[in-house]
Structure formats: structure tokens, C-alpha cells
């Protein structure tokens, strides 16, 4: 069976509660946008990818881009 998939054109890291605390976010989860593909829906919507490589603990990230805290007015309150 083939699944329908949605390609947004962005690569992201799921923000854990510990990372949310380090980034001083108002909630415990979200999406840290690292890359946005040219011509993608994300790019057309104005989503920005990061540009500063960083390592936090053993996780390699790209900071400086957008952090998405909700989608369609639905908060991303949990890493799950």
C-alpha cells in the first residue's frame, strides 16, 4: 500500500524539552528549521533555514533559522 506523503521542502530537528530550555522557548517542543529547498512550498511561504553550525551535547544542529512552534494554529507541545 502506498502512503500519501507531504513534502514541505525543509529539513528540521525536532526540539526536545531540554533543547527548548536552552533556546529559551515558551513551550517544550517545536521544529528547528535547518535547511529549506529552493522552489519548495516552505521557501515560498518565507520559512528560513539556519546558517550557524553548532553542537549541543552530541547533537549537531544548524541554528539561525526559523523555529516553528505551531502548524495551522495547533501548538507543537510534545516531541512525539
PDB file of N, CA and C in Angstrom:
ATOM      1  N   UNK A   1       0.839  -1.184   0.000  1.00  0.00           N
ATOM      2  CA  UNK A   1       0.000   0.000   0.000  1.00  0.00           C
ATOM      3  C   UNK A   1       0.886   1.250   0.000  1.00  0.00           C
ATOM      4  N   UNK A   2       0.596   2.165  -0.850  1.00  0.00           N
ATOM      5  CA  UNK A   2       1.371   3.395  -0.957  1.00  0.00           C
ATOM      6  C   UNK A   2       0.805   4.454  -0.028  1.00  0.00           C
ATOM      7  N   UNK A   3       1.688   5.100   0.717  1.00  0.00           N
ATOM      8  CA  UNK A   3       1.266   6.173   1.624  1.00  0.00           C
ATOM      9  C   UNK A   3       1.313   7.506   0.897  1.00  0.00           C
ATOM     10  N   UNK A   4       0.360   8.369   1.193  1.00  0.00           N
ATOM     11  CA  UNK A   4       0.434   9.740   0.709  1.00  0.00           C
ATOM     12  C   UNK A   4       1.399  10.492   1.607  1.00  0.00           C
ATOM     13  N   UNK A   5       2.316  11.204   0.993  1.00  0.00           N
ATOM     14  CA  UNK A   5       3.306  11.952   1.768  1.00  0.00           C
ATOM     15  C   UNK A   5       3.298  13.397   1.325  1.00  0.00           C
ATOM     16  N   UNK A   6       3.632  14.235   2.267  1.00  0.00           N
ATOM     17  CA  UNK A   6       3.669  15.669   2.011  1.00  0.00           C
ATOM     18  C   UNK A   6       5.111  16.126   2.099  1.00  0.00           C
ATOM     19  N   UNK A   7       5.628  16.726   1.052  1.00  0.00           N
ATOM     20  CA  UNK A   7       6.996  17.241   1.060  1.00  0.00           C
ATOM     21  C   UNK A   7       6.929  18.747   1.226  1.00  0.00           C
ATOM     22  N   UNK A   8       7.427  19.223   2.341  1.00  0.00           N
ATOM     23  CA  UNK A   8       7.376  20.653   2.642  1.00  0.00           C
ATOM     24  C   UNK A   8       8.582  21.398   2.084  1.00  0.00           C
ATOM     25  N   UNK A   9       9.664  20.652   1.813  1.00  0.00           N
ATOM     26  CA  UNK A   9      10.869  21.283   1.306  1.00  0.00           C
ATOM     27  C   UNK A   9      11.792  21.793   2.390  1.00  0.00           C
ATOM     28  N   UNK A  10      11.648  21.278   3.602  1.00  0.00           N
ATOM     29  CA  UNK A  10      12.547  21.719   4.661  1.00  0.00           C
ATOM     30  C   UNK A  10      13.064  20.529   5.452  1.00  0.00           C
ATOM     31  N   UNK A  11      14.298  20.697   5.950  1.00  0.00           N
ATOM     32  CA  UNK A  11      14.874  19.740   6.885  1.00  0.00           C
ATOM     33  C   UNK A  11      14.845  20.410   8.247  1.00  0.00           C
ATOM     34  N   UNK A  12      14.491  19.626   9.251  1.00  0.00           N
ATOM     35  CA  UNK A  12      14.362  20.201  10.586  1.00  0.00           C
ATOM     36  C   UNK A  12      14.770  19.203  11.646  1.00  0.00           C
ATOM     37  N   UNK A  13      15.035  19.723  12.813  1.00  0.00           N
ATOM     38  CA  UNK A  13      15.313  18.914  14.004  1.00  0.00           C
ATOM     39  C   UNK A  13      14.106  19.089  14.932  1.00  0.00           C
ATOM     40  N   UNK A  14      13.608  17.981  15.471  1.00  0.00           N
ATOM     41  CA  UNK A  14      12.531  18.078  16.451  1.00  0.00           C
ATOM     42  C   UNK A  14      13.130  18.568  17.756  1.00  0.00           C
ATOM     43  N   UNK A  15      12.558  19.612  18.293  1.00  0.00           N
ATOM     44  CA  UNK A  15      13.069  20.211  19.526  1.00  0.00           C
ATOM     45  C   UNK A  15      12.559  19.420  20.729  1.00  0.00           C
ATOM     46  N   UNK A  16      13.498  18.951  21.533  1.00  0.00           N
ATOM     47  CA  UNK A  16      13.183  18.235  22.766  1.00  0.00           C
ATOM     48  C   UNK A  16      12.991  19.248  23.901  1.00  0.00           C
ATOM     49  N   UNK A  17      12.423  18.834  25.012  1.00  0.00           N
ATOM     50  CA  UNK A  17      12.281  19.764  26.145  1.00  0.00           C
ATOM     51  C   UNK A  17      13.610  20.386  26.592  1.00  0.00           C
ATOM     52  N   UNK A  18      14.697  19.601  26.628  1.00  0.00           N
ATOM     53  CA  UNK A  18      15.997  20.155  27.034  1.00  0.00           C
ATOM     54  C   UNK A  18      16.485  21.208  26.051  1.00  0.00           C
ATOM     55  N   UNK A  19      16.352  20.934  24.744  1.00  0.00           N
ATOM     56  CA  UNK A  19      16.767  21.904  23.736  1.00  0.00           C
ATOM     57  C   UNK A  19      15.878  23.149  23.785  1.00  0.00           C
ATOM     58  N   UNK A  20      14.595  22.959  24.028  1.00  0.00           N
ATOM     59  CA  UNK A  20      13.673  24.104  24.147  1.00  0.00           C
ATOM     60  C   UNK A  20      14.110  25.021  25.281  1.00  0.00           C
ATOM     61  N   UNK A  21      14.553  24.424  26.365  1.00  0.00           N
ATOM     62  CA  UNK A  21      15.021  25.217  27.504  1.00  0.00           C
ATOM     63  C   UNK A  21      16.282  25.997  27.140  1.00  0.00           C
ATOM     64  N   UNK A  22      17.228  25.342  26.456  1.00  0.00           N
ATOM     65  CA  UNK A  22      18.461  26.007  26.034  1.00  0.00           C
ATOM     66  C   UNK A  22      18.190  27.158  25.063  1.00  0.00           C
ATOM     67  N   UNK A  23      17.165  26.989  24.208  1.00  0.00           N
ATOM     68  CA  UNK A  23      16.817  28.017  23.233  1.00  0.00           C
ATOM     69  C   UNK A  23      15.849  29.056  23.793  1.00  0.00           C
ATOM     70  N   UNK A  24      15.487  28.892  25.072  1.00  0.00           N
ATOM     71  CA  UNK A  24      14.591  29.836  25.754  1.00  0.00           C
ATOM     72  C   UNK A  24      13.233  29.953  25.058  1.00  0.00           C
ATOM     73  N   UNK A  25      12.668  28.797  24.703  1.00  0.00           N
ATOM     74  CA  UNK A  25      11.373  28.783  24.025  1.00  0.00           C
ATOM     75  C   UNK A  25      10.235  28.805  25.038  1.00  0.00           C
ATOM     76  N   UNK A  26       9.074  29.312  24.649  1.00  0.00           N
ATOM     77  CA  UNK A  26       7.939  29.385  25.570  1.00  0.00           C
ATOM     78  C   UNK A  26       7.191  28.057  25.721  1.00  0.00           C
ATOM     79  N   UNK A  27       7.621  27.010  25.015  1.00  0.00           N
ATOM     80  CA  UNK A  27       6.995  25.696  25.145  1.00  0.00           C
ATOM     81  C   UNK A  27       8.073  24.624  25.018  1.00  0.00           C
ATOM     82  N   UNK A  28       7.700  23.367  25.236  1.00  0.00           N
ATOM     83  CA  UNK A  28       8.699  22.299  25.348  1.00  0.00           C
ATOM     84  C   UNK A  28       9.062  21.617  24.034  1.00  0.00           C
ATOM     85  N   UNK A  29       8.458  21.997  22.933  1.00  0.00           N
ATOM     86  CA  UNK A  29       8.774  21.354  21.672  1.00  0.00           C
ATOM     87  C   UNK A  29       8.495  22.270  20.491  1.00  0.00           C
ATOM     88  N   UNK A  30       8.927  21.825  19.335  1.00  0.00           N
ATOM     89  CA  UNK A  30       8.733  22.559  18.097  1.00  0.00           C
ATOM     90  C   UNK A  30       9.649  21.979  17.045  1.00  0.00           C
ATOM     91  N   UNK A  31       9.832  22.714  15.952  1.00  0.00           N
ATOM     92  CA  UNK A  31      10.707  22.287  14.870  1.00  0.00           C
ATOM     93  C   UNK A  31      11.763  23.359  14.637  1.00  0.00           C
ATOM     94  N   UNK A  32      13.026  22.970  14.665  1.00  0.00           N
ATOM     95  CA  UNK A  32      14.138  23.863  14.376  1.00  0.00           C
ATOM     96  C   UNK A  32      14.478  23.679  12.897  1.00  0.00           C
ATOM     97  N   UNK A  33      14.184  24.676  12.076  1.00  0.00           N
ATOM     98  CA  UNK A  33      14.398  24.575  10.630  1.00  0.00           C
ATOM     99  C   UNK A  33      15.881  24.750  10.335  1.00  0.00           C
ATOM    100  N   UNK A  34      16.463  23.724   9.696  1.00  0.00           N
ATOM    101  CA  UNK A  34      17.887  23.765   9.380  1.00  0.00           C
ATOM    102  C   UNK A  34      18.144  24.099   7.916  1.00  0.00           C
ATOM    103  N   UNK A  35      17.348  23.552   7.000  1.00  0.00           N
ATOM    104  CA  UNK A  35      17.528  23.805   5.569  1.00  0.00           C
ATOM    105  C   UNK A  35      16.169  23.951   4.903  1.00  0.00           C
ATOM    106  N   UNK A  36      16.118  24.784   3.864  1.00  0.00           N
ATOM    107  CA  UNK A  36      14.899  24.950   3.067  1.00  0.00           C
ATOM    108  C   UNK A  36      15.296  24.833   1.596  1.00  0.00           C
ATOM    109  N   UNK A  37      14.605  23.975   0.867  1.00  0.00           N
ATOM    110  CA  UNK A  37      14.923  23.745  -0.544  1.00  0.00           C
ATOM    111  C   UNK A  37      14.397  24.875  -1.422  1.00  0.00           C
ATOM    112  N   UNK A  38      15.199  25.249  -2.417  1.00  0.00           N
ATOM    113  CA  UNK A  38      14.781  26.269  -3.379  1.00  0.00           C
ATOM    114  C   UNK A  38      13.534  25.797  -4.115  1.00  0.00           C
ATOM    115  N   UNK A  39      12.602  26.701  -4.305  1.00  0.00           N
ATOM    116  CA  UNK A  39      11.388  26.404  -5.045  1.00  0.00           C
ATOM    117  C   UNK A  39      10.353  25.599  -4.283  1.00  0.00           C
ATOM    118  N   UNK A  40      10.633  25.263  -3.030  1.00  0.00           N
ATOM    119  CA  UNK A  40       9.706  24.452  -2.243  1.00  0.00           C
ATOM    120  C   UNK A  40       8.575  25.306  -1.670  1.00  0.00           C
ATOM    121  N   UNK A  41       7.551  24.626  -1.165  1.00  0.00           N
ATOM    122  CA  UNK A  41       6.443  25.339  -0.525  1.00  0.00           C
ATOM    123  C   UNK A  41       6.926  26.104   0.694  1.00  0.00           C
ATOM    124  N   UNK A  42       7.864  25.519   1.438  1.00  0.00           N
ATOM    125  CA  UNK A  42       8.403  26.204   2.621  1.00  0.00           C
ATOM    126  C   UNK A  42       9.099  27.498   2.217  1.00  0.00           C
ATOM    127  N   UNK A  43       9.886  27.448   1.142  1.00  0.00           N
ATOM    128  CA  UNK A  43      10.594  28.641   0.665  1.00  0.00           C
ATOM    129  C   UNK A  43       9.589  29.707   0.218  1.00  0.00           C
ATOM    130  N   UNK A  44       8.568  29.290  -0.502  1.00  0.00           N
ATOM    131  CA  UNK A  44       7.535  30.221  -0.968  1.00  0.00           C
ATOM    132  C   UNK A  44       6.766  30.841   0.194  1.00  0.00           C
ATOM    133  N   UNK A  45       6.662  30.107   1.304  1.00  0.00           N
ATOM    134  CA  UNK A  45       5.965  30.615   2.491  1.00  0.00           C
ATOM    135  C   UNK A  45       6.859  31.525   3.331  1.00  0.00           C
ATOM    136  N   UNK A  46       8.144  31.628   2.969  1.00  0.00           N
ATOM    137  CA  UNK A  46       9.052  32.512   3.691  1.00  0.00           C
ATOM    138  C   UNK A  46       9.786  31.866   4.841  1.00  0.00           C
ATOM    139  N   UNK A  47       9.737  30.536   4.944  1.00  0.00           N
ATOM    140  CA  UNK A  47      10.462  29.835   6.006  1.00  0.00           C
ATOM    141  C   UNK A  47      11.956  29.922   5.706  1.00  0.00           C
ATOM    142  N   UNK A  48      12.744  30.208   6.744  1.00  0.00           N
ATOM    143  CA  UNK A  48      14.192  30.371   6.591  1.00  0.00           C
ATOM    144  C   UNK A  48      14.950  29.267   7.311  1.00  0.00           C
ATOM    145  N   UNK A  49      15.955  28.736   6.643  1.00  0.00           N
ATOM    146  CA  UNK A  49      16.828  27.738   7.240  1.00  0.00           C
ATOM    147  C   UNK A  49      17.951  28.397   8.009  1.00  0.00           C
ATOM    148  N   UNK A  50      18.662  27.612   8.780  1.00  0.00           N
ATOM    149  CA  UNK A  50      19.760  28.126   9.590  1.00  0.00           C
ATOM    150  C   UNK A  50      21.033  28.329   8.793  1.00  0.00           C
ATOM    151  N   UNK A  51      22.041  28.914   9.436  1.00  0.00           N
ATOM    152  CA  UNK A  51      23.317  29.180   8.780  1.00  0.00           C
ATOM    153  C   UNK A  51      24.500  29.067   9.737  1.00  0.00           C
ATOM    154  N   UNK A  52      24.247  28.772  11.011  1.00  0.00           N
ATOM    155  CA  UNK A  52      25.323  28.677  12.004  1.00  0.00           C
ATOM    156  C   UNK A  52      25.405  27.241  12.520  1.00  0.00           C
ATOM    157  N   UNK A  53      26.444  26.479  12.120  1.00  0.00           N
ATOM    158  CA  UNK A  53      26.592  25.131  12.642  1.00  0.00           C
ATOM    159  C   UNK A  53      26.904  25.174  14.146  1.00  0.00           C
ATOM    160  N   UNK A  54      26.284  24.264  14.885  1.00  0.00           N
ATOM    161  CA  UNK A  54      26.501  24.207  16.341  1.00  0.00           C
ATOM    162  C   UNK A  54      26.376  22.764  16.806  1.00  0.00           C
ATOM    163  N   UNK A  55      27.054  22.465  17.889  1.00  0.00           N
ATOM    164  CA  UNK A  55      26.918  21.158  18.517  1.00  0.00           C
ATOM    165  C   UNK A  55      26.471  21.384  19.948  1.00  0.00           C
ATOM    166  N   UNK A  56      25.361  20.780  20.311  1.00  0.00           N
ATOM    167  CA  UNK A  56      24.841  20.877  21.677  1.00  0.00           C
ATOM    168  C   UNK A  56      24.780  19.454  22.206  1.00  0.00           C
ATOM    169  N   UNK A  57      25.623  19.170  23.206  1.00  0.00           N
ATOM    170  CA  UNK A  57      25.761  17.787  23.669  1.00  0.00           C
ATOM    171  C   UNK A  57      26.369  16.977  22.542  1.00  0.00           C
ATOM    172  N   UNK A  58      25.673  15.945  22.107  1.00  0.00           N
ATOM    173  CA  UNK A  58      26.156  15.143  20.979  1.00  0.00           C
ATOM    174  C   UNK A  58      25.310  15.363  19.726  1.00  0.00           C
ATOM    175  N   UNK A  59      24.496  16.414  19.713  1.00  0.00           N
ATOM    176  CA  UNK A  59      23.622  16.705  18.580  1.00  0.00           C
ATOM    177  C   UNK A  59      24.194  17.852  17.746  1.00  0.00           C
ATOM    178  N   UNK A  60      24.362  17.596  16.451  1.00  0.00           N
ATOM    179  CA  UNK A  60      24.820  18.648  15.544  1.00  0.00           C
ATOM    180  C   UNK A  60      23.596  19.336  14.945  1.00  0.00           C
ATOM    181  N   UNK A  61      23.564  20.656  15.031  1.00  0.00           N
ATOM    182  CA  UNK A  61      22.433  21.456  14.574  1.00  0.00           C
ATOM    183  C   UNK A  61      22.914  22.575  13.663  1.00  0.00           C
ATOM    184  N   UNK A  62      21.957  23.197  12.988  1.00  0.00           N
ATOM    185  CA  UNK A  62      22.225  24.414  12.230  1.00  0.00           C
ATOM    186  C   UNK A  62      21.256  25.461  12.777  1.00  0.00           C
ATOM    187  N   UNK A  63      21.802  26.459  13.471  1.00  0.00           N
ATOM    188  CA  UNK A  63      20.994  27.486  14.119  1.00  0.00           C
ATOM    189  C   UNK A  63      20.880  28.735  13.249  1.00  0.00           C
ATOM    190  N   UNK A  64      19.996  29.628  13.638  1.00  0.00           N
ATOM    191  CA  UNK A  64      19.836  30.902  12.951  1.00  0.00           C
ATOM    192  C   UNK A  64      18.636  30.952  12.034  1.00  0.00           C
ATOM    193  N   UNK A  65      17.955  29.828  11.870  1.00  0.00           N
ATOM    194  CA  UNK A  65      16.757  29.788  11.034  1.00  0.00           C
ATOM    195  C   UNK A  65      15.504  29.902  11.884  1.00  0.00           C
ATOM    196  N   UNK A  66      14.383  29.642  11.256  1.00  0.00           N
ATOM    197  CA  UNK A  66      13.104  29.727  11.952  1.00  0.00           C
ATOM    198  C   UNK A  66      12.901  28.563  12.910  1.00  0.00           C
ATOM    199  N   UNK A  67      12.110  28.813  13.931  1.00  0.00           N
ATOM    200  CA  UNK A  67      11.646  27.786  14.846  1.00  0.00           C
ATOM    201  C   UNK A  67      10.130  27.787  14.746  1.00  0.00           C
ATOM    202  N   UNK A  68       9.577  26.641  14.394  1.00  0.00           N
ATOM    203  CA  UNK A  68       8.129  26.526  14.215  1.00  0.00           C
ATOM    204  C   UNK A  68       7.533  25.957  15.495  1.00  0.00           C
ATOM    205  N   UNK A  69       6.635  26.714  16.102  1.00  0.00           N
ATOM    206  CA  UNK A  69       6.015  26.306  17.359  1.00  0.00           C
ATOM    207  C   UNK A  69       4.590  25.818  17.189  1.00  0.00           C
ATOM    208  N   UNK A  70       3.972  26.121  16.042  1.00  0.00           N
ATOM    209  CA  UNK A  70       2.620  25.632  15.772  1.00  0.00           C
ATOM    210  C   UNK A  70       2.410  25.533  14.265  1.00  0.00           C
ATOM    211  N   UNK A  71       1.502  24.643  13.894  1.00  0.00           N
ATOM    212  CA  UNK A  71       1.126  24.482  12.490  1.00  0.00           C
ATOM    213  C   UNK A  71      -0.387  24.543  12.418  1.00  0.00           C
ATOM    214  N   UNK A  72      -0.915  25.429  11.600  1.00  0.00           N
ATOM    215  CA  UNK A  72      -2.360  25.623  11.435  1.00  0.00           C
ATOM    216  C   UNK A  72      -3.029  25.850  12.797  1.00  0.00           C
ATOM    217  N   UNK A  73      -2.382  26.694  13.612  1.00  0.00           N
ATOM    218  CA  UNK A  73      -2.864  27.057  14.940  1.00  0.00           C
ATOM    219  C   UNK A  73      -2.911  25.882  15.926  1.00  0.00           C
ATOM    220  N   UNK A  74      -2.190  24.807  15.606  1.00  0.00           N
ATOM    221  CA  UNK A  74      -2.071  23.652  16.514  1.00  0.00           C
ATOM    222  C   UNK A  74      -0.679  23.687  17.099  1.00  0.00           C
ATOM    223  N   UNK A  75      -0.548  23.929  18.415  1.00  0.00           N
ATOM    224  CA  UNK A  75       0.777  24.006  19.034  1.00  0.00           C
ATOM    225  C   UNK A  75       1.496  22.651  18.982  1.00  0.00           C
ATOM    226  N   UNK A  76       2.791  22.701  18.771  1.00  0.00           N
ATOM    227  CA  UNK A  76       3.621  21.503  18.809  1.00  0.00           C
ATOM    228  C   UNK A  76       4.130  21.365  20.241  1.00  0.00           C
ATOM    229  N   UNK A  77       3.294  20.828  21.110  1.00  0.00           N
ATOM    230  CA  UNK A  77       3.573  20.793  22.550  1.00  0.00           C
ATOM    231  C   UNK A  77       4.365  19.585  23.003  1.00  0.00           C
ATOM    232  N   UNK A  78       4.636  18.649  22.113  1.00  0.00           N
ATOM    233  CA  UNK A  78       5.324  17.426  22.518  1.00  0.00           C
ATOM    234  C   UNK A  78       6.245  16.980  21.396  1.00  0.00           C
ATOM    235  N   UNK A  79       7.431  16.453  21.718  1.00  0.00           N
ATOM    236  CA  UNK A  79       8.319  15.947  20.679  1.00  0.00           C
ATOM    237  C   UNK A  79       7.711  14.786  19.889  1.00  0.00           C
ATOM    238  N   UNK A  80       6.731  14.103  20.469  1.00  0.00           N
ATOM    239  CA  UNK A  80       6.070  12.983  19.775  1.00  0.00           C
ATOM    240  C   UNK A  80       5.150  13.525  18.727  1.00  0.00           C
TER     241      UNK A  80
END
